[in-house]
Amino acid sequence: MQMRRLGTIGYQEALDLQADLVEQRRRGEIGDLLLLLEHPPVITLGVKTRNNRTNIVASDAQLASAGVAVFQSGRGGDVTYHGPGQLVGYPIFDLNPDRRDVHRYVRDIERALIDAVATFGITAERVPGLTGIWVGHEKLAAIGVRISRWITSHGFALNVATNLSHFDLIVPCGIQGRGVTSMERLLGRPVPMAEAQAAVEAAFRDVFEDL
């Protein structure tokens, strides 16, 4: 599995890059690949929303004032936020021929993220019926994937040092009554992005290269 750390790139640029890499993976020109990056502030709508912006609670004026763009993403799930300090991962994996199980794929991403944050002393868990990883009633990482003919794209967003106030602009993932948190908030200290990236890379290798 190859890892690429891309720094901060725009959301549309990331969409275009993923589309290109998915086709390269389909043609066998590249192997499995995990992209790690950050986005400028952006709210993304998953296919579950059907372009419905009900779970964006901020007005257009508030979004503009905060410098937050809105995109229809093409991934699964509802509405979420990406921004600086959040580690976004886009796996470009070929699940053919023996990993063609969407539920298992999402659970494996959750397992890798749980293992990654555990190296910092954070105990996260799954919540039955909900995707992502959680600490208590607060979501630490969101997951929204796309699978086209068993080639994956989109992926996860792990809150490392994210501006959590920006989640007040939305109902995160359309889930009422639950909050969001970050690694820095849980630990009460700065978490260098490079350390979080290294932990995620190691956990993804452990989980996905053993399959």
N, C-alpha and C. Protein backbone atom coordinates (compact mmCIF):
# COMPACT_ATOMS: atom_id res chain seq x y z
N MET A 1 0.84 -1.19 0.00
CA MET A 1 0.00 0.00 0.00
C MET A 1 0.87 1.24 0.00
N GLN A 2 0.60 2.15 -0.92
CA GLN A 2 1.36 3.40 -1.00
C GLN A 2 0.63 4.49 -0.23
N MET A 3 1.38 5.35 0.43
CA MET A 3 0.82 6.49 1.16
C MET A 3 1.28 7.78 0.49
N ARG A 4 0.38 8.73 0.36
CA ARG A 4 0.75 10.05 -0.15
C ARG A 4 0.22 11.12 0.79
N ARG A 5 1.12 11.93 1.31
CA ARG A 5 0.73 13.07 2.13
C ARG A 5 0.71 14.30 1.23
N LEU A 6 -0.46 14.90 1.05
CA LEU A 6 -0.64 15.95 0.05
C LEU A 6 -0.71 17.35 0.63
N GLY A 7 -0.65 17.48 1.96
CA GLY A 7 -0.78 18.81 2.55
C GLY A 7 -2.21 19.30 2.43
N THR A 8 -2.38 20.61 2.23
CA THR A 8 -3.72 21.19 2.10
C THR A 8 -4.06 21.39 0.64
N ILE A 9 -5.16 20.80 0.20
CA ILE A 9 -5.61 20.99 -1.19
C ILE A 9 -7.11 21.26 -1.19
N GLY A 10 -7.57 21.96 -2.21
CA GLY A 10 -8.98 22.30 -2.34
C GLY A 10 -9.84 21.07 -2.56
N TYR A 11 -11.12 21.19 -2.20
CA TYR A 11 -12.00 20.03 -2.28
C TYR A 11 -12.20 19.58 -3.73
N GLN A 12 -12.42 20.53 -4.64
CA GLN A 12 -12.62 20.14 -6.04
C GLN A 12 -11.37 19.49 -6.61
N GLU A 13 -10.21 20.01 -6.25
CA GLU A 13 -8.95 19.40 -6.69
C GLU A 13 -8.85 17.95 -6.20
N ALA A 14 -9.29 17.72 -4.97
CA ALA A 14 -9.24 16.37 -4.43
C ALA A 14 -10.23 15.45 -5.15
N LEU A 15 -11.42 15.97 -5.49
CA LEU A 15 -12.38 15.18 -6.25
C LEU A 15 -11.80 14.77 -7.60
N ASP A 16 -11.19 15.73 -8.28
CA ASP A 16 -10.62 15.45 -9.60
C ASP A 16 -9.49 14.43 -9.49
N LEU A 17 -8.65 14.59 -8.48
CA LEU A 17 -7.53 13.67 -8.29
C LEU A 17 -8.03 12.25 -8.01
N GLN A 18 -9.04 12.14 -7.16
CA GLN A 18 -9.58 10.81 -6.85
C GLN A 18 -10.15 10.14 -8.10
N ALA A 19 -10.87 10.90 -8.91
CA ALA A 19 -11.46 10.34 -10.13
C ALA A 19 -10.38 9.79 -11.05
N ASP A 20 -9.29 10.52 -11.16
CA ASP A 20 -8.18 10.08 -12.01
C ASP A 20 -7.52 8.83 -11.43
N LEU A 21 -7.29 8.82 -10.12
CA LEU A 21 -6.63 7.67 -9.49
C LEU A 21 -7.51 6.43 -9.49
N VAL A 22 -8.82 6.60 -9.36
CA VAL A 22 -9.73 5.45 -9.43
C VAL A 22 -9.59 4.76 -10.78
N GLU A 23 -9.52 5.55 -11.86
CA GLU A 23 -9.37 4.95 -13.19
C GLU A 23 -8.01 4.28 -13.34
N GLN A 24 -6.97 4.90 -12.80
CA GLN A 24 -5.64 4.26 -12.84
C GLN A 24 -5.64 2.94 -12.08
N ARG A 25 -6.34 2.94 -10.93
CA ARG A 25 -6.40 1.70 -10.14
C ARG A 25 -7.19 0.64 -10.89
N ARG A 26 -8.26 1.04 -11.55
CA ARG A 26 -9.08 0.09 -12.29
C ARG A 26 -8.29 -0.56 -13.43
N ARG A 27 -7.42 0.25 -14.05
CA ARG A 27 -6.60 -0.26 -15.15
C ARG A 27 -5.37 -1.02 -14.67
N GLY A 28 -5.15 -1.06 -13.35
CA GLY A 28 -4.00 -1.75 -12.80
C GLY A 28 -2.70 -1.01 -12.94
N GLU A 29 -2.78 0.30 -13.18
CA GLU A 29 -1.56 1.10 -13.36
C GLU A 29 -0.93 1.50 -12.03
N ILE A 30 -1.72 1.46 -10.96
CA ILE A 30 -1.20 1.74 -9.62
C ILE A 30 -1.76 0.68 -8.68
N GLY A 31 -1.12 0.54 -7.51
CA GLY A 31 -1.63 -0.35 -6.49
C GLY A 31 -2.54 0.39 -5.53
N ASP A 32 -2.92 -0.26 -4.44
CA ASP A 32 -3.74 0.40 -3.44
C ASP A 32 -3.00 1.61 -2.87
N LEU A 33 -3.76 2.67 -2.62
CA LEU A 33 -3.17 3.96 -2.31
C LEU A 33 -4.02 4.66 -1.27
N LEU A 34 -3.39 5.25 -0.27
CA LEU A 34 -4.09 6.07 0.73
C LEU A 34 -3.60 7.50 0.63
N LEU A 35 -4.50 8.42 0.31
CA LEU A 35 -4.19 9.85 0.28
C LEU A 35 -4.50 10.45 1.64
N LEU A 36 -3.57 11.20 2.20
CA LEU A 36 -3.78 11.91 3.47
C LEU A 36 -3.59 13.40 3.23
N LEU A 37 -4.54 14.21 3.70
CA LEU A 37 -4.52 15.63 3.36
C LEU A 37 -5.40 16.42 4.30
N GLU A 38 -5.39 17.73 4.12
CA GLU A 38 -6.31 18.63 4.79
C GLU A 38 -7.03 19.46 3.73
N HIS A 39 -8.23 19.93 4.07
CA HIS A 39 -8.98 20.80 3.17
C HIS A 39 -9.15 22.19 3.78
N PRO A 40 -9.25 23.23 2.95
CA PRO A 40 -9.76 24.50 3.45
C PRO A 40 -11.19 24.29 3.95
N PRO A 41 -11.74 25.22 4.72
CA PRO A 41 -13.07 25.02 5.29
C PRO A 41 -14.13 24.74 4.22
N VAL A 42 -14.83 23.62 4.36
CA VAL A 42 -15.84 23.23 3.38
C VAL A 42 -16.87 22.32 4.04
N ILE A 43 -18.12 22.49 3.67
CA ILE A 43 -19.20 21.59 4.06
C ILE A 43 -19.52 20.73 2.85
N THR A 44 -19.61 19.42 3.05
CA THR A 44 -19.91 18.53 1.94
C THR A 44 -21.21 17.77 2.22
N LEU A 45 -21.97 17.59 1.15
CA LEU A 45 -23.24 16.88 1.22
C LEU A 45 -23.08 15.51 0.58
N GLY A 46 -23.47 14.46 1.30
CA GLY A 46 -23.41 13.11 0.75
C GLY A 46 -24.65 12.79 -0.06
N VAL A 47 -24.64 11.63 -0.72
CA VAL A 47 -25.76 11.25 -1.58
C VAL A 47 -27.05 11.07 -0.78
N LYS A 48 -26.93 10.77 0.50
CA LYS A 48 -28.11 10.60 1.34
C LYS A 48 -28.95 11.87 1.40
N THR A 49 -28.33 13.03 1.22
CA THR A 49 -29.05 14.29 1.33
C THR A 49 -29.91 14.59 0.12
N ARG A 50 -29.56 14.01 -1.04
CA ARG A 50 -30.26 14.31 -2.31
C ARG A 50 -30.35 15.82 -2.52
N ASN A 51 -29.23 16.50 -2.28
CA ASN A 51 -29.12 17.96 -2.43
C ASN A 51 -29.95 18.74 -1.41
N ASN A 52 -30.49 18.07 -0.41
CA ASN A 52 -31.27 18.73 0.63
C ASN A 52 -30.32 19.36 1.64
N ARG A 53 -30.45 20.66 1.84
CA ARG A 53 -29.54 21.38 2.73
C ARG A 53 -30.14 21.60 4.12
N THR A 54 -31.13 20.78 4.49
CA THR A 54 -31.80 20.96 5.78
C THR A 54 -30.83 20.91 6.94
N ASN A 55 -29.82 20.04 6.86
CA ASN A 55 -28.88 19.88 7.98
C ASN A 55 -27.73 20.88 7.96
N ILE A 56 -27.79 21.85 7.04
CA ILE A 56 -26.92 23.02 7.14
C ILE A 56 -27.73 24.10 7.84
N VAL A 57 -27.40 24.40 9.08
CA VAL A 57 -28.22 25.31 9.87
C VAL A 57 -27.80 26.76 9.69
N ALA A 58 -26.60 26.99 9.18
CA ALA A 58 -26.12 28.36 8.96
C ALA A 58 -26.72 28.92 7.68
N SER A 59 -26.90 30.23 7.66
CA SER A 59 -27.36 30.91 6.45
C SER A 59 -26.22 31.05 5.46
N ASP A 60 -26.56 31.36 4.23
CA ASP A 60 -25.52 31.60 3.22
C ASP A 60 -24.59 32.73 3.66
N ALA A 61 -25.15 33.74 4.30
CA ALA A 61 -24.34 34.87 4.77
C ALA A 61 -23.37 34.43 5.85
N GLN A 62 -23.84 33.57 6.76
CA GLN A 62 -22.96 33.06 7.82
C GLN A 62 -21.83 32.21 7.24
N LEU A 63 -22.18 31.39 6.26
CA LEU A 63 -21.16 30.55 5.62
C LEU A 63 -20.12 31.42 4.93
N ALA A 64 -20.58 32.44 4.23
CA ALA A 64 -19.65 33.33 3.52
C ALA A 64 -18.76 34.07 4.51
N SER A 65 -19.34 34.51 5.63
CA SER A 65 -18.56 35.22 6.65
C SER A 65 -17.49 34.33 7.26
N ALA A 66 -17.81 33.03 7.41
CA ALA A 66 -16.86 32.07 7.98
C ALA A 66 -15.89 31.54 6.93
N GLY A 67 -16.11 31.89 5.66
CA GLY A 67 -15.24 31.40 4.59
C GLY A 67 -15.40 29.92 4.31
N VAL A 68 -16.64 29.43 4.46
CA VAL A 68 -16.90 28.00 4.30
C VAL A 68 -17.68 27.77 3.01
N ALA A 69 -17.13 26.96 2.10
CA ALA A 69 -17.80 26.61 0.86
C ALA A 69 -18.69 25.39 1.07
N VAL A 70 -19.59 25.11 0.10
CA VAL A 70 -20.48 23.96 0.16
C VAL A 70 -20.34 23.17 -1.14
N PHE A 71 -20.18 21.84 -1.02
CA PHE A 71 -20.03 20.96 -2.17
C PHE A 71 -20.97 19.77 -2.06
N GLN A 72 -21.52 19.35 -3.20
CA GLN A 72 -22.16 18.03 -3.30
C GLN A 72 -21.04 17.05 -3.61
N SER A 73 -20.87 16.03 -2.79
CA SER A 73 -19.62 15.26 -2.83
C SER A 73 -19.68 13.97 -3.64
N GLY A 74 -20.83 13.30 -3.68
CA GLY A 74 -20.89 12.00 -4.35
C GLY A 74 -20.53 10.83 -3.46
N ARG A 75 -20.19 11.09 -2.19
CA ARG A 75 -19.91 10.00 -1.25
C ARG A 75 -21.18 9.59 -0.55
N GLY A 76 -21.10 8.51 0.22
CA GLY A 76 -22.22 8.11 1.04
C GLY A 76 -22.36 9.01 2.25
N GLY A 77 -23.50 8.88 2.93
CA GLY A 77 -23.70 9.63 4.16
C GLY A 77 -24.43 10.95 3.96
N ASP A 78 -24.43 11.77 5.00
CA ASP A 78 -25.17 13.01 5.05
C ASP A 78 -24.21 14.20 4.93
N VAL A 79 -24.38 15.19 5.78
CA VAL A 79 -23.57 16.41 5.71
C VAL A 79 -22.41 16.32 6.69
N THR A 80 -21.25 16.83 6.30
CA THR A 80 -20.13 16.90 7.22
C THR A 80 -19.30 18.13 6.90
N TYR A 81 -18.34 18.39 7.77
CA TYR A 81 -17.45 19.56 7.63
C TYR A 81 -16.01 19.09 7.53
N HIS A 82 -15.25 19.74 6.65
CA HIS A 82 -13.81 19.54 6.58
C HIS A 82 -13.13 20.90 6.77
N GLY A 83 -11.95 20.87 7.40
CA GLY A 83 -11.23 22.12 7.56
C GLY A 83 -9.83 21.87 8.09
N PRO A 84 -9.05 22.93 8.21
CA PRO A 84 -7.68 22.81 8.72
C PRO A 84 -7.65 22.13 10.08
N GLY A 85 -6.62 21.31 10.30
CA GLY A 85 -6.50 20.58 11.55
C GLY A 85 -7.24 19.26 11.56
N GLN A 86 -7.90 18.95 10.45
CA GLN A 86 -8.61 17.68 10.32
C GLN A 86 -7.87 16.81 9.32
N LEU A 87 -7.57 15.58 9.69
CA LEU A 87 -6.86 14.66 8.81
C LEU A 87 -7.88 13.91 7.97
N VAL A 88 -7.86 14.20 6.67
CA VAL A 88 -8.78 13.55 5.73
C VAL A 88 -8.02 12.45 5.00
N GLY A 89 -8.65 11.28 4.91
CA GLY A 89 -8.02 10.16 4.22
C GLY A 89 -8.91 9.64 3.12
N TYR A 90 -8.33 9.48 1.94
CA TYR A 90 -9.06 8.94 0.78
C TYR A 90 -8.37 7.66 0.32
N PRO A 91 -8.87 6.49 0.72
CA PRO A 91 -8.30 5.24 0.22
C PRO A 91 -8.77 4.98 -1.22
N ILE A 92 -7.82 4.68 -2.09
CA ILE A 92 -8.12 4.25 -3.46
C ILE A 92 -7.74 2.77 -3.49
N PHE A 93 -8.69 1.93 -3.12
CA PHE A 93 -8.44 0.50 -2.96
C PHE A 93 -9.26 -0.30 -3.98
N ASP A 94 -8.70 -1.39 -4.44
CA ASP A 94 -9.44 -2.35 -5.26
C ASP A 94 -9.88 -3.48 -4.36
N LEU A 95 -11.19 -3.61 -4.16
CA LEU A 95 -11.71 -4.65 -3.27
C LEU A 95 -11.92 -5.98 -3.99
N ASN A 96 -11.64 -6.00 -5.29
CA ASN A 96 -11.71 -7.27 -6.03
C ASN A 96 -10.52 -8.15 -5.70
N PRO A 97 -10.62 -9.46 -5.70
CA PRO A 97 -11.87 -10.21 -5.87
C PRO A 97 -12.48 -10.66 -4.55
N ASP A 98 -11.72 -10.57 -3.45
CA ASP A 98 -12.16 -11.25 -2.22
C ASP A 98 -12.50 -10.30 -1.08
N ARG A 99 -12.62 -9.00 -1.35
CA ARG A 99 -12.97 -8.05 -0.28
C ARG A 99 -14.24 -7.28 -0.63
N ARG A 100 -15.09 -7.86 -1.44
CA ARG A 100 -16.26 -7.15 -1.95
C ARG A 100 -17.41 -7.19 -0.94
N ASP A 101 -17.20 -6.46 0.13
CA ASP A 101 -18.16 -6.39 1.23
C ASP A 101 -18.11 -4.97 1.79
N VAL A 102 -19.12 -4.16 1.46
CA VAL A 102 -19.11 -2.75 1.84
C VAL A 102 -19.11 -2.60 3.36
N HIS A 103 -19.95 -3.37 4.03
CA HIS A 103 -20.03 -3.29 5.49
C HIS A 103 -18.67 -3.60 6.12
N ARG A 104 -18.04 -4.64 5.65
CA ARG A 104 -16.72 -5.01 6.19
C ARG A 104 -15.70 -3.91 5.93
N TYR A 105 -15.75 -3.32 4.74
CA TYR A 105 -14.80 -2.25 4.40
C TYR A 105 -14.92 -1.07 5.37
N VAL A 106 -16.15 -0.64 5.64
CA VAL A 106 -16.35 0.48 6.56
C VAL A 106 -15.91 0.10 7.97
N ARG A 107 -16.23 -1.11 8.40
CA ARG A 107 -15.81 -1.55 9.74
C ARG A 107 -14.28 -1.60 9.83
N ASP A 108 -13.61 -1.98 8.74
CA ASP A 108 -12.14 -2.03 8.75
C ASP A 108 -11.55 -0.63 8.86
N ILE A 109 -12.17 0.36 8.21
CA ILE A 109 -11.70 1.74 8.37
C ILE A 109 -11.87 2.17 9.82
N GLU A 110 -13.03 1.86 10.41
CA GLU A 110 -13.23 2.20 11.82
C GLU A 110 -12.17 1.54 12.70
N ARG A 111 -11.89 0.29 12.44
CA ARG A 111 -10.88 -0.41 13.24
C ARG A 111 -9.52 0.27 13.13
N ALA A 112 -9.13 0.64 11.92
CA ALA A 112 -7.83 1.29 11.73
C ALA A 112 -7.77 2.61 12.48
N LEU A 113 -8.84 3.40 12.45
CA LEU A 113 -8.85 4.69 13.13
C LEU A 113 -8.85 4.51 14.65
N ILE A 114 -9.61 3.52 15.14
CA ILE A 114 -9.59 3.23 16.58
C ILE A 114 -8.19 2.85 17.03
N ASP A 115 -7.52 2.01 16.23
CA ASP A 115 -6.15 1.60 16.57
C ASP A 115 -5.19 2.79 16.52
N ALA A 116 -5.38 3.68 15.54
CA ALA A 116 -4.48 4.83 15.39
C ALA A 116 -4.57 5.76 16.59
N VAL A 117 -5.80 6.11 17.01
CA VAL A 117 -5.91 7.06 18.13
C VAL A 117 -5.53 6.40 19.45
N ALA A 118 -5.61 5.06 19.51
CA ALA A 118 -5.22 4.36 20.74
C ALA A 118 -3.74 4.58 21.05
N THR A 119 -2.93 4.79 20.01
CA THR A 119 -1.50 5.03 20.25
C THR A 119 -1.25 6.35 20.96
N PHE A 120 -2.25 7.23 20.99
CA PHE A 120 -2.15 8.49 21.72
C PHE A 120 -2.81 8.39 23.10
N GLY A 121 -3.33 7.22 23.44
CA GLY A 121 -4.00 7.05 24.71
C GLY A 121 -5.48 7.37 24.67
N ILE A 122 -6.07 7.45 23.47
CA ILE A 122 -7.49 7.75 23.32
C ILE A 122 -8.25 6.45 23.07
N THR A 123 -9.25 6.21 23.88
CA THR A 123 -10.09 5.02 23.70
C THR A 123 -11.36 5.41 22.95
N ALA A 124 -11.40 5.06 21.68
CA ALA A 124 -12.58 5.32 20.85
C ALA A 124 -13.29 4.00 20.58
N GLU A 125 -14.51 4.08 20.11
CA GLU A 125 -15.29 2.87 19.88
C GLU A 125 -16.28 3.09 18.74
N ARG A 126 -16.85 1.97 18.28
CA ARG A 126 -17.97 2.02 17.35
C ARG A 126 -19.26 2.21 18.14
N VAL A 127 -20.27 2.75 17.45
CA VAL A 127 -21.61 2.84 18.02
C VAL A 127 -22.55 2.10 17.08
N PRO A 128 -23.25 1.07 17.56
CA PRO A 128 -24.13 0.30 16.69
C PRO A 128 -25.12 1.19 15.93
N GLY A 129 -25.20 0.98 14.64
CA GLY A 129 -26.13 1.74 13.81
C GLY A 129 -25.58 3.05 13.29
N LEU A 130 -24.40 3.46 13.74
CA LEU A 130 -23.79 4.70 13.30
C LEU A 130 -22.39 4.42 12.77
N THR A 131 -21.99 5.14 11.73
CA THR A 131 -20.63 4.99 11.23
C THR A 131 -19.70 5.96 11.95
N GLY A 132 -18.39 5.75 11.77
CA GLY A 132 -17.40 6.61 12.40
C GLY A 132 -16.89 6.02 13.69
N ILE A 133 -16.05 6.79 14.38
CA ILE A 133 -15.58 6.38 15.70
C ILE A 133 -15.95 7.45 16.71
N TRP A 134 -16.22 7.00 17.92
CA TRP A 134 -16.84 7.85 18.92
C TRP A 134 -16.10 7.74 20.25
N VAL A 135 -16.11 8.83 21.00
CA VAL A 135 -15.67 8.84 22.39
C VAL A 135 -16.86 9.35 23.19
N GLY A 136 -17.51 8.44 23.90
CA GLY A 136 -18.77 8.80 24.54
C GLY A 136 -19.82 9.12 23.48
N HIS A 137 -20.47 10.27 23.63
CA HIS A 137 -21.50 10.69 22.67
C HIS A 137 -20.93 11.64 21.62
N GLU A 138 -19.61 11.75 21.54
CA GLU A 138 -19.00 12.69 20.61
C GLU A 138 -18.23 11.95 19.52
N LYS A 139 -18.43 12.39 18.28
CA LYS A 139 -17.77 11.76 17.15
C LYS A 139 -16.37 12.32 16.99
N LEU A 140 -15.40 11.42 16.90
CA LEU A 140 -14.01 11.81 16.68
C LEU A 140 -13.62 11.73 15.21
N ALA A 141 -14.22 10.79 14.49
CA ALA A 141 -13.92 10.65 13.06
C ALA A 141 -15.18 10.25 12.32
N ALA A 142 -15.41 10.89 11.18
CA ALA A 142 -16.55 10.58 10.32
C ALA A 142 -16.07 9.75 9.13
N ILE A 143 -16.98 8.92 8.60
CA ILE A 143 -16.66 8.08 7.46
C ILE A 143 -17.77 8.22 6.42
N GLY A 144 -17.38 8.43 5.18
CA GLY A 144 -18.32 8.47 4.06
C GLY A 144 -17.59 7.99 2.82
N VAL A 145 -17.97 6.84 2.29
CA VAL A 145 -17.20 6.23 1.20
C VAL A 145 -18.00 6.19 -0.09
N ARG A 146 -17.29 6.02 -1.16
CA ARG A 146 -17.87 5.75 -2.47
C ARG A 146 -17.18 4.51 -3.03
N ILE A 147 -17.94 3.60 -3.60
CA ILE A 147 -17.38 2.40 -4.20
C ILE A 147 -17.99 2.23 -5.59
N SER A 148 -17.14 2.26 -6.59
CA SER A 148 -17.58 2.13 -7.98
C SER A 148 -16.92 0.90 -8.59
N ARG A 149 -17.73 -0.10 -8.90
CA ARG A 149 -17.21 -1.37 -9.43
C ARG A 149 -16.07 -1.88 -8.55
N TRP A 150 -16.26 -1.72 -7.24
CA TRP A 150 -15.39 -2.22 -6.18
C TRP A 150 -14.04 -1.51 -6.10
N ILE A 151 -13.95 -0.30 -6.70
CA ILE A 151 -12.81 0.58 -6.46
C ILE A 151 -13.30 1.68 -5.52
N THR A 152 -12.60 1.90 -4.42
CA THR A 152 -13.05 2.84 -3.40
C THR A 152 -12.50 4.24 -3.63
N SER A 153 -13.25 5.22 -3.10
CA SER A 153 -12.77 6.60 -3.02
C SER A 153 -13.50 7.27 -1.85
N HIS A 154 -13.22 8.56 -1.65
CA HIS A 154 -13.67 9.26 -0.45
C HIS A 154 -13.14 8.48 0.76
N GLY A 155 -13.71 8.62 1.94
CA GLY A 155 -13.10 7.89 3.05
C GLY A 155 -13.46 8.40 4.42
N PHE A 156 -12.50 9.06 5.10
CA PHE A 156 -12.71 9.42 6.50
C PHE A 156 -12.16 10.80 6.79
N ALA A 157 -12.62 11.36 7.92
CA ALA A 157 -12.12 12.65 8.41
C ALA A 157 -11.93 12.54 9.91
N LEU A 158 -10.68 12.60 10.35
CA LEU A 158 -10.31 12.48 11.76
C LEU A 158 -10.00 13.86 12.32
N ASN A 159 -10.72 14.24 13.36
CA ASN A 159 -10.50 15.55 13.97
C ASN A 159 -9.27 15.52 14.86
N VAL A 160 -8.20 16.10 14.37
CA VAL A 160 -6.96 16.17 15.12
C VAL A 160 -6.92 17.48 15.91
N ALA A 161 -6.94 18.59 15.20
CA ALA A 161 -6.93 19.91 15.85
C ALA A 161 -7.95 20.83 15.17
N THR A 162 -9.08 20.25 14.80
CA THR A 162 -10.10 20.94 14.02
C THR A 162 -10.76 22.06 14.83
N ASN A 163 -11.16 23.13 14.15
CA ASN A 163 -11.96 24.18 14.77
C ASN A 163 -13.38 23.63 14.96
N LEU A 164 -13.66 23.14 16.14
CA LEU A 164 -14.93 22.45 16.38
C LEU A 164 -16.13 23.38 16.30
N SER A 165 -15.93 24.69 16.43
CA SER A 165 -17.05 25.62 16.35
C SER A 165 -17.68 25.60 14.96
N HIS A 166 -16.91 25.21 13.95
CA HIS A 166 -17.47 25.17 12.60
C HIS A 166 -18.52 24.06 12.45
N PHE A 167 -18.49 23.07 13.32
CA PHE A 167 -19.54 22.05 13.27
C PHE A 167 -20.89 22.61 13.71
N ASP A 168 -20.89 23.79 14.36
CA ASP A 168 -22.15 24.42 14.73
C ASP A 168 -22.91 24.92 13.51
N LEU A 169 -22.23 24.97 12.36
CA LEU A 169 -22.88 25.41 11.12
C LEU A 169 -23.80 24.34 10.54
N ILE A 170 -23.66 23.10 11.03
CA ILE A 170 -24.40 21.96 10.47
C ILE A 170 -24.95 21.08 11.59
N VAL A 171 -25.77 20.11 11.20
CA VAL A 171 -26.10 18.98 12.07
C VAL A 171 -25.19 17.85 11.59
N PRO A 172 -24.05 17.62 12.26
CA PRO A 172 -23.04 16.69 11.73
C PRO A 172 -23.62 15.31 11.40
N CYS A 173 -23.45 14.92 10.14
CA CYS A 173 -23.93 13.62 9.66
C CYS A 173 -25.43 13.44 9.83
N GLY A 174 -26.15 14.56 10.07
CA GLY A 174 -27.59 14.50 10.23
C GLY A 174 -28.04 13.86 11.52
N ILE A 175 -27.13 13.74 12.50
CA ILE A 175 -27.44 13.03 13.75
C ILE A 175 -27.70 14.07 14.85
N GLN A 176 -28.91 14.05 15.38
CA GLN A 176 -29.26 14.96 16.46
C GLN A 176 -28.80 14.40 17.80
N GLY A 177 -28.47 15.28 18.74
CA GLY A 177 -28.21 14.87 20.12
C GLY A 177 -26.82 14.33 20.39
N ARG A 178 -25.93 14.41 19.41
CA ARG A 178 -24.55 13.97 19.63
C ARG A 178 -23.61 15.09 19.18
N GLY A 179 -22.44 15.15 19.80
CA GLY A 179 -21.49 16.20 19.48
C GLY A 179 -20.29 15.69 18.71
N VAL A 180 -19.31 16.55 18.58
CA VAL A 180 -18.05 16.20 17.93
C VAL A 180 -16.91 16.58 18.87
N THR A 181 -15.78 15.93 18.70
CA THR A 181 -14.62 16.23 19.51
C THR A 181 -13.37 16.08 18.65
N SER A 182 -12.23 16.38 19.23
CA SER A 182 -10.96 16.27 18.51
C SER A 182 -9.92 15.62 19.41
N MET A 183 -8.86 15.15 18.81
CA MET A 183 -7.78 14.56 19.58
C MET A 183 -7.19 15.59 20.54
N GLU A 184 -6.99 16.82 20.08
CA GLU A 184 -6.41 17.84 20.96
C GLU A 184 -7.33 18.15 22.14
N ARG A 185 -8.62 18.21 21.87
CA ARG A 185 -9.55 18.49 22.97
C ARG A 185 -9.54 17.36 23.99
N LEU A 186 -9.50 16.13 23.52
CA LEU A 186 -9.50 14.99 24.44
C LEU A 186 -8.22 14.90 25.24
N LEU A 187 -7.10 15.23 24.61
CA LEU A 187 -5.80 15.09 25.27
C LEU A 187 -5.38 16.34 26.04
N GLY A 188 -5.97 17.47 25.68
CA GLY A 188 -5.60 18.72 26.34
C GLY A 188 -4.21 19.20 25.98
N ARG A 189 -3.74 18.83 24.80
CA ARG A 189 -2.42 19.26 24.36
C ARG A 189 -2.38 19.25 22.83
N PRO A 190 -1.41 19.96 22.23
CA PRO A 190 -1.29 19.94 20.78
C PRO A 190 -0.92 18.54 20.26
N VAL A 191 -1.46 18.20 19.11
CA VAL A 191 -1.12 16.95 18.44
C VAL A 191 -0.59 17.30 17.05
N PRO A 192 0.71 17.16 16.80
CA PRO A 192 1.24 17.47 15.47
C PRO A 192 0.58 16.61 14.40
N MET A 193 0.20 17.23 13.29
CA MET A 193 -0.47 16.50 12.22
C MET A 193 0.41 15.36 11.70
N ALA A 194 1.71 15.57 11.66
CA ALA A 194 2.60 14.52 11.16
C ALA A 194 2.53 13.27 12.03
N GLU A 195 2.35 13.45 13.34
CA GLU A 195 2.23 12.30 14.24
C GLU A 195 0.92 11.56 13.99
N ALA A 196 -0.15 12.31 13.79
CA ALA A 196 -1.44 11.68 13.50
C ALA A 196 -1.38 10.93 12.18
N GLN A 197 -0.75 11.53 11.18
CA GLN A 197 -0.61 10.86 9.88
C GLN A 197 0.16 9.56 10.01
N ALA A 198 1.25 9.59 10.74
CA ALA A 198 2.07 8.39 10.91
C ALA A 198 1.29 7.27 11.60
N ALA A 199 0.49 7.64 12.60
CA ALA A 199 -0.30 6.64 13.32
C ALA A 199 -1.37 6.03 12.42
N VAL A 200 -2.00 6.86 11.60
CA VAL A 200 -3.03 6.37 10.68
C VAL A 200 -2.41 5.48 9.61
N GLU A 201 -1.27 5.88 9.08
CA GLU A 201 -0.59 5.06 8.07
C GLU A 201 -0.26 3.68 8.62
N ALA A 202 0.29 3.63 9.83
CA ALA A 202 0.66 2.35 10.43
C ALA A 202 -0.57 1.49 10.67
N ALA A 203 -1.64 2.10 11.15
CA ALA A 203 -2.86 1.33 11.44
C ALA A 203 -3.50 0.81 10.16
N PHE A 204 -3.49 1.61 9.09
CA PHE A 204 -4.05 1.14 7.82
C PHE A 204 -3.24 -0.02 7.26
N ARG A 205 -1.94 0.06 7.40
CA ARG A 205 -1.12 -1.07 6.93
C ARG A 205 -1.44 -2.33 7.73
N ASP A 206 -1.57 -2.20 9.04
CA ASP A 206 -1.86 -3.35 9.89
C ASP A 206 -3.20 -3.99 9.53
N VAL A 207 -4.21 -3.16 9.29
CA VAL A 207 -5.55 -3.68 9.04
C VAL A 207 -5.72 -4.18 7.61
N PHE A 208 -5.30 -3.37 6.64
CA PHE A 208 -5.63 -3.70 5.25
C PHE A 208 -4.58 -4.58 4.56
N GLU A 209 -3.34 -4.53 4.99
CA GLU A 209 -2.35 -5.39 4.34
C GLU A 209 -2.39 -6.80 4.88
N ASP A 210 -3.12 -7.01 5.98
CA ASP A 210 -3.26 -8.36 6.52
C ASP A 210 -4.48 -9.09 5.96
N LEU A 211 -5.29 -8.38 5.16
CA LEU A 211 -6.52 -8.99 4.65
C LEU A 211 -6.21 -9.97 3.53
